[in-house]
Amino acid sequence: MFLINDLIALLAANLILSQALGTSTIFIAAGSRKNLVATAGVITIFTTVGSAAAYLIDLVLQPSISDLRLLFYTMVIGVLYAALLVAVYKFGSRWFEELRRYIHLSAFNCAVMGTLFTINKRASMDGTVFNLGGYVTAGFEAGIGFIIAALILTAAYRKLNSSKVPASFRGFPAMLVYLGIISMAVYSLK
């Protein structure tokens, strides 16, 4: 049990604290249209295929060992990460150097792992979602949601990094405040 707690603490520190809730990846995506398309596409692949694998894990996982779900999800994302790197290297070797950066950024992003746990929670609350189609659809929707979030951030990226913003507030701090305001606005629409 201590091993599980330590693993969860390490992953939480990595996924939440050091990645700033996924915003570092979204900032890279917002930097240019090329980055946006590549990062959003790879994250959508990870959320969609990862959701299908999460369905199989949730189907097989016994309630007595459900505490290991995080470990299994992490292993699935790791296998998917390696498989995507190999596939790009084999079939798109001329784009490998460029695309591997986006694969590295996207694989263990909290948007991917959070999607798997969110879908699992929705499936446990509503049994009709607990099928392969429901998992894959929800994973694809999460990828599209990331694209929309990146587009919203792209709209303000240049203005929040301009010389009109005070130097101490420019960049990451301004983006976090902007994201907080946008999050509150979107949440109020529920």
Protein backbone atom coordinates (compact mmCIF):
# COMPACT_ATOMS: atom_id res chain seq x y z
CA MET A 1 0.00 0.00 0.00
CA PHE A 2 2.91 2.37 0.73
CA LEU A 3 4.26 1.77 -2.76
CA ILE A 4 0.93 2.78 -4.27
CA ASN A 5 0.78 5.94 -2.13
CA ASP A 6 4.33 6.88 -3.12
CA LEU A 7 3.61 6.24 -6.79
CA ILE A 8 0.48 8.36 -6.64
CA ALA A 9 2.36 11.16 -4.85
CA LEU A 10 5.15 11.13 -7.45
CA LEU A 11 2.73 11.11 -10.37
CA ALA A 12 0.63 13.85 -8.79
CA ALA A 13 3.72 16.00 -8.32
CA ASN A 14 4.71 15.41 -11.93
CA LEU A 15 1.28 15.69 -13.50
CA ILE A 16 -0.11 18.55 -11.45
CA LEU A 17 2.68 20.63 -9.96
CA SER A 18 5.48 20.50 -12.51
CA GLN A 19 3.20 20.53 -15.54
CA ALA A 20 0.98 23.29 -14.12
CA LEU A 21 -2.20 21.39 -14.87
CA GLY A 22 -1.24 20.82 -18.50
CA THR A 23 -0.79 24.48 -19.26
CA SER A 24 2.87 24.17 -20.24
CA THR A 25 1.90 21.92 -23.14
CA ILE A 26 -0.98 24.16 -24.10
CA PHE A 27 1.38 27.18 -24.04
CA ILE A 28 3.68 25.41 -26.49
CA ALA A 29 0.68 24.58 -28.65
CA ALA A 30 -0.47 28.20 -28.61
CA GLY A 31 2.93 29.47 -29.76
CA SER A 32 2.26 28.79 -33.44
CA ARG A 33 -0.34 27.17 -35.66
CA LYS A 34 2.04 24.36 -36.55
CA ASN A 35 2.60 23.58 -32.86
CA LEU A 36 -1.14 23.79 -32.21
CA VAL A 37 -2.08 21.33 -34.95
CA ALA A 38 0.67 18.83 -34.10
CA THR A 39 0.22 18.91 -30.32
CA ALA A 40 -3.57 18.80 -30.46
CA GLY A 41 -3.49 15.95 -32.96
CA VAL A 42 -1.13 13.85 -30.87
CA ILE A 43 -3.07 14.50 -27.65
CA THR A 44 -6.29 13.52 -29.44
CA ILE A 45 -4.63 10.26 -30.53
CA PHE A 46 -3.49 9.57 -26.96
CA THR A 47 -6.89 10.34 -25.42
CA THR A 48 -8.82 8.32 -28.00
CA VAL A 49 -6.64 5.21 -28.11
CA GLY A 50 -5.88 5.47 -24.39
CA SER A 51 -9.60 5.51 -23.67
CA ALA A 52 -10.09 2.28 -25.60
CA ALA A 53 -7.30 0.68 -23.56
CA ALA A 54 -8.80 2.10 -20.35
CA TYR A 55 -12.07 0.39 -21.23
CA LEU A 56 -10.28 -2.97 -21.44
CA ILE A 57 -8.48 -2.32 -18.15
CA ASP A 58 -11.71 -1.33 -16.40
CA LEU A 59 -13.44 -4.38 -17.83
CA VAL A 60 -10.80 -6.79 -16.54
CA LEU A 61 -9.72 -5.05 -13.33
CA GLN A 62 -11.14 -6.68 -10.22
CA PRO A 63 -12.51 -4.39 -7.49
CA SER A 64 -10.00 -5.83 -5.02
CA ILE A 65 -7.08 -4.40 -7.01
CA SER A 66 -8.73 -1.23 -8.33
CA ASP A 67 -6.09 0.79 -6.45
CA LEU A 68 -3.67 -0.26 -9.18
CA ARG A 69 -5.70 1.51 -11.88
CA LEU A 70 -3.22 4.42 -11.97
CA LEU A 71 -0.34 2.03 -12.54
CA PHE A 72 -2.18 0.22 -15.36
CA TYR A 73 -3.24 3.47 -17.02
CA THR A 74 0.33 4.75 -16.83
CA MET A 75 1.63 1.54 -18.36
CA VAL A 76 -0.92 1.78 -21.20
CA ILE A 77 0.09 5.37 -21.97
CA GLY A 78 3.75 4.29 -21.84
CA VAL A 79 3.13 1.47 -24.32
CA LEU A 80 1.13 3.80 -26.55
CA TYR A 81 3.96 6.36 -26.33
CA ALA A 82 6.54 3.81 -27.44
CA ALA A 83 4.28 2.42 -30.17
CA LEU A 84 3.62 5.88 -31.59
CA LEU A 85 7.34 6.70 -31.61
CA VAL A 86 8.11 3.43 -33.40
CA ALA A 87 5.27 3.94 -35.90
CA VAL A 88 6.43 7.47 -36.75
CA TYR A 89 10.02 6.29 -37.06
CA LYS A 90 9.08 3.37 -39.34
CA PHE A 91 6.48 5.04 -41.54
CA GLY A 92 7.40 8.71 -41.38
CA SER A 93 11.13 8.72 -40.76
CA ARG A 94 11.63 12.05 -42.50
CA TRP A 95 9.22 13.68 -40.01
CA PHE A 96 10.47 11.75 -36.97
CA GLU A 97 12.75 14.45 -35.56
CA GLU A 98 9.99 17.03 -35.79
CA LEU A 99 7.10 14.87 -34.57
CA ARG A 100 8.82 13.18 -31.65
CA ARG A 101 8.86 16.48 -29.78
CA TYR A 102 5.06 16.59 -29.88
CA ILE A 103 4.82 12.94 -28.86
CA HIS A 104 7.11 13.61 -25.87
CA LEU A 105 5.06 16.64 -24.81
CA SER A 106 1.73 14.90 -25.18
CA ALA A 107 2.26 11.39 -23.83
CA PHE A 108 2.22 11.97 -20.09
CA ASN A 109 0.34 15.23 -20.14
CA CYS A 110 -2.27 15.44 -17.41
CA ALA A 111 -4.92 16.03 -20.10
CA VAL A 112 -4.38 12.43 -21.25
CA MET A 113 -4.27 10.82 -17.81
CA GLY A 114 -7.09 13.02 -16.52
CA THR A 115 -9.24 11.94 -19.46
CA LEU A 116 -8.84 8.28 -18.56
CA PHE A 117 -9.84 8.86 -14.94
CA THR A 118 -12.72 11.16 -15.89
CA ILE A 119 -14.14 8.58 -18.27
CA ASN A 120 -13.76 5.88 -15.62
CA LYS A 121 -15.65 8.01 -13.11
CA ARG A 122 -18.42 8.78 -15.62
CA ALA A 123 -18.71 5.07 -16.44
CA SER A 124 -18.95 4.13 -12.76
CA MET A 125 -21.75 6.67 -12.25
CA ASP A 126 -23.65 5.83 -15.45
CA GLY A 127 -23.59 2.23 -16.62
CA THR A 128 -24.71 3.13 -20.15
CA VAL A 129 -21.35 4.80 -20.79
CA PHE A 130 -19.53 1.61 -19.81
CA ASN A 131 -18.95 0.29 -23.31
CA LEU A 132 -16.11 0.61 -25.79
CA GLY A 133 -17.93 3.14 -27.96
CA GLY A 134 -18.67 5.38 -24.98
CA TYR A 135 -15.06 5.33 -23.82
CA VAL A 136 -13.65 6.06 -27.28
CA THR A 137 -16.18 8.82 -27.94
CA ALA A 138 -15.39 10.45 -24.60
CA GLY A 139 -11.66 10.20 -25.32
CA PHE A 140 -12.10 11.81 -28.72
CA GLU A 141 -14.26 14.55 -27.19
CA ALA A 142 -11.51 15.25 -24.66
CA GLY A 143 -9.00 15.64 -27.49
CA ILE A 144 -11.34 18.06 -29.26
CA GLY A 145 -11.75 19.92 -25.96
CA PHE A 146 -7.98 20.33 -25.78
CA ILE A 147 -8.01 21.75 -29.31
CA ILE A 148 -10.69 24.27 -28.34
CA ALA A 149 -8.78 25.24 -25.19
CA ALA A 150 -5.61 25.72 -27.23
CA LEU A 151 -7.50 27.88 -29.74
CA ILE A 152 -8.87 30.05 -26.93
CA LEU A 153 -5.36 30.45 -25.54
CA THR A 154 -3.92 31.16 -29.00
CA ALA A 155 -6.35 34.06 -29.35
CA ALA A 156 -4.75 35.82 -26.38
CA TYR A 157 -1.18 34.52 -26.61
CA ARG A 158 0.34 37.45 -28.48
CA LYS A 159 -1.49 40.12 -26.47
CA LEU A 160 -0.56 38.59 -23.11
CA ASN A 161 3.09 38.37 -24.16
CA SER A 162 3.28 41.87 -25.62
CA SER A 163 5.31 44.75 -24.23
CA LYS A 164 2.09 46.35 -22.95
CA VAL A 165 1.94 43.74 -20.17
CA PRO A 166 4.31 44.45 -17.24
CA ALA A 167 7.48 42.36 -17.50
CA SER A 168 6.97 40.64 -14.14
CA PHE A 169 3.47 39.56 -15.15
CA ARG A 170 4.17 38.73 -18.82
CA GLY A 171 4.12 35.15 -20.00
CA PHE A 172 3.20 32.31 -17.66
CA PRO A 173 1.60 34.39 -14.84
CA ALA A 174 -0.60 36.31 -17.26
CA MET A 175 -1.60 33.09 -19.01
CA LEU A 176 -2.61 31.45 -15.72
CA VAL A 177 -4.80 34.41 -14.78
CA TYR A 178 -6.32 34.40 -18.27
CA LEU A 179 -6.97 30.64 -18.08
CA GLY A 180 -8.56 31.06 -14.64
CA ILE A 181 -10.95 33.71 -15.93
CA ILE A 182 -11.83 31.67 -19.01
CA SER A 183 -12.33 28.56 -16.82
CA MET A 184 -14.74 30.43 -14.56
CA ALA A 185 -16.67 31.71 -17.57
CA VAL A 186 -16.94 28.24 -19.12
CA TYR A 187 -17.85 26.67 -15.77
CA SER A 188 -20.65 29.19 -15.27
CA LEU A 189 -22.24 28.00 -18.54
CA LYS A 190 -22.91 24.55 -17.04
